[in-house]
Amino acid sequence: MRRSEFNRAVAEEFGSGYGAVLLRDLVLPAVGGRTAEEALAAGTSPREVWLALCAETDVPRERWYGVGLPAPVK
C-alpha cells in the first residue's frame, strides 16, 4: 500500500475531517503505542498502520483489504 492509497482509504472509510482527527489523535497499540501520523513518520509501512487503524476502530474485516486503490482506467 502506497501512502497515497493509505490517504484515500482513510478518507473513504472515515471521511477527510474525522480521518484527520483519527490519524492525529488515536493511539494505536499495534504500531508501538503511536498515533498513525507518528507511526508513518517513524517509517512504519502505510499498510501496517492501515490495518492497525482498522482493528482499533472496529472496521469490518471485509473493508480492510483493497481499499484506497484508484479506480481502474477504462
C-alpha atoms as a PDB file:
ATOM      1  CA  MET A   1       0.000   0.000   0.000  1.00  0.00           C
ATOM      2  CA  ARG A   2       1.382   3.369  -1.009  1.00  0.00           C
ATOM      3  CA  ARG A   3       0.934   6.465   1.115  1.00  0.00           C
ATOM      4  CA  SER A   4      -1.486   7.917  -1.448  1.00  0.00           C
ATOM      5  CA  GLU A   5      -3.577   4.727  -1.240  1.00  0.00           C
ATOM      6  CA  PHE A   6      -3.479   4.942   2.553  1.00  0.00           C
ATOM      7  CA  ASN A   7      -4.712   8.545   2.458  1.00  0.00           C
ATOM      8  CA  ARG A   8      -7.500   7.609   0.023  1.00  0.00           C
ATOM      9  CA  ALA A   9      -8.535   4.647   2.188  1.00  0.00           C
ATOM     10  CA  VAL A  10      -8.713   6.814   5.313  1.00  0.00           C
ATOM     11  CA  ALA A  11     -10.802   9.437   3.515  1.00  0.00           C
ATOM     12  CA  GLU A  12     -13.147   6.810   2.054  1.00  0.00           C
ATOM     13  CA  GLU A  13     -13.624   4.932   5.331  1.00  0.00           C
ATOM     14  CA  PHE A  14     -13.756   7.816   7.829  1.00  0.00           C
ATOM     15  CA  GLY A  15     -14.220  10.997   5.803  1.00  0.00           C
ATOM     16  CA  SER A  16     -11.484  13.576   5.430  1.00  0.00           C
ATOM     17  CA  GLY A  17     -12.295  15.535   8.612  1.00  0.00           C
ATOM     18  CA  TYR A  18     -12.762  12.648  11.029  1.00  0.00           C
ATOM     19  CA  GLY A  19      -9.960  10.707   9.341  1.00  0.00           C
ATOM     20  CA  ALA A  20      -7.539  13.567  10.029  1.00  0.00           C
ATOM     21  CA  VAL A  21      -8.547  13.552  13.697  1.00  0.00           C
ATOM     22  CA  LEU A  22      -8.016   9.791  13.952  1.00  0.00           C
ATOM     23  CA  LEU A  23      -4.581   9.993  12.329  1.00  0.00           C
ATOM     24  CA  ARG A  24      -3.525  12.754  14.691  1.00  0.00           C
ATOM     25  CA  ASP A  25      -5.112  11.666  17.985  1.00  0.00           C
ATOM     26  CA  LEU A  26      -5.876   7.928  18.134  1.00  0.00           C
ATOM     27  CA  VAL A  27      -3.103   5.898  19.766  1.00  0.00           C
ATOM     28  CA  LEU A  28      -2.609   2.552  18.037  1.00  0.00           C
ATOM     29  CA  PRO A  29      -1.111  -0.170  20.277  1.00  0.00           C
ATOM     30  CA  ALA A  30      -0.325  -2.354  17.246  1.00  0.00           C
ATOM     31  CA  VAL A  31       2.223   0.175  15.969  1.00  0.00           C
ATOM     32  CA  GLY A  32       4.070   0.774  19.209  1.00  0.00           C
ATOM     33  CA  GLY A  33       1.556   2.941  21.023  1.00  0.00           C
ATOM     34  CA  ARG A  34       1.918   5.729  18.474  1.00  0.00           C
ATOM     35  CA  THR A  35      -0.649   7.678  16.539  1.00  0.00           C
ATOM     36  CA  ALA A  36      -0.938   6.895  12.832  1.00  0.00           C
ATOM     37  CA  GLU A  37       0.899  10.126  11.986  1.00  0.00           C
ATOM     38  CA  GLU A  38       3.730   9.272  14.393  1.00  0.00           C
ATOM     39  CA  ALA A  39       3.992   5.711  13.114  1.00  0.00           C
ATOM     40  CA  LEU A  40       4.155   6.822   9.481  1.00  0.00           C
ATOM     41  CA  ALA A  41       6.759   9.467  10.324  1.00  0.00           C
ATOM     42  CA  ALA A  42       8.817   6.782  12.101  1.00  0.00           C
ATOM     43  CA  GLY A  43       8.823   4.645   8.952  1.00  0.00           C
ATOM     44  CA  THR A  44       6.047   2.158   9.679  1.00  0.00           C
ATOM     45  CA  SER A  45       4.508   0.957   6.419  1.00  0.00           C
ATOM     46  CA  PRO A  46       1.187   2.522   5.459  1.00  0.00           C
ATOM     47  CA  ARG A  47      -0.325  -0.991   5.180  1.00  0.00           C
ATOM     48  CA  GLU A  48       0.635  -1.804   8.773  1.00  0.00           C
ATOM     49  CA  VAL A  49      -0.772   1.497  10.013  1.00  0.00           C
ATOM     50  CA  TRP A  50      -3.966   0.991   7.981  1.00  0.00           C
ATOM     51  CA  LEU A  51      -4.525  -2.469   9.474  1.00  0.00           C
ATOM     52  CA  ALA A  52      -3.871  -1.154  12.996  1.00  0.00           C
ATOM     53  CA  LEU A  53      -6.311   1.706  12.402  1.00  0.00           C
ATOM     54  CA  CYS A  54      -8.963  -0.697  11.103  1.00  0.00           C
ATOM     55  CA  ALA A  55      -8.561  -3.022  14.071  1.00  0.00           C
ATOM     56  CA  GLU A  56      -8.656  -0.224  16.629  1.00  0.00           C
ATOM     57  CA  THR A  57     -11.778   1.402  15.148  1.00  0.00           C
ATOM     58  CA  ASP A  58     -13.696  -1.843  14.532  1.00  0.00           C
ATOM     59  CA  VAL A  59     -13.837  -1.518  10.750  1.00  0.00           C
ATOM     60  CA  PRO A  60     -15.387  -4.748   9.415  1.00  0.00           C
ATOM     61  CA  ARG A  61     -12.699  -7.096   8.065  1.00  0.00           C
ATOM     62  CA  GLU A  62     -14.220  -7.149   4.594  1.00  0.00           C
ATOM     63  CA  ARG A  63     -13.219  -3.470   4.272  1.00  0.00           C
ATOM     64  CA  TRP A  64      -9.595  -3.914   5.420  1.00  0.00           C
ATOM     65  CA  TYR A  65      -8.179  -5.034   2.066  1.00  0.00           C
ATOM     66  CA  GLY A  66      -8.223  -3.468  -1.359  1.00  0.00           C
ATOM     67  CA  VAL A  67      -9.392  -0.048  -0.253  1.00  0.00           C
ATOM     68  CA  GLY A  68      -7.615   3.058  -1.384  1.00  0.00           C
ATOM     69  CA  LEU A  69      -6.810   1.683  -4.814  1.00  0.00           C
ATOM     70  CA  PRO A  70      -7.581   4.047  -7.665  1.00  0.00           C
ATOM     71  CA  ALA A  71     -10.463   3.152  -9.943  1.00  0.00           C
ATOM     72  CA  PRO A  72      -9.349   1.182 -12.996  1.00  0.00           C
ATOM     73  CA  VAL A  73      -8.796   3.223 -16.122  1.00  0.00           C
ATOM     74  CA  LYS A  74     -11.240   2.343 -18.882  1.00  0.00           C
END
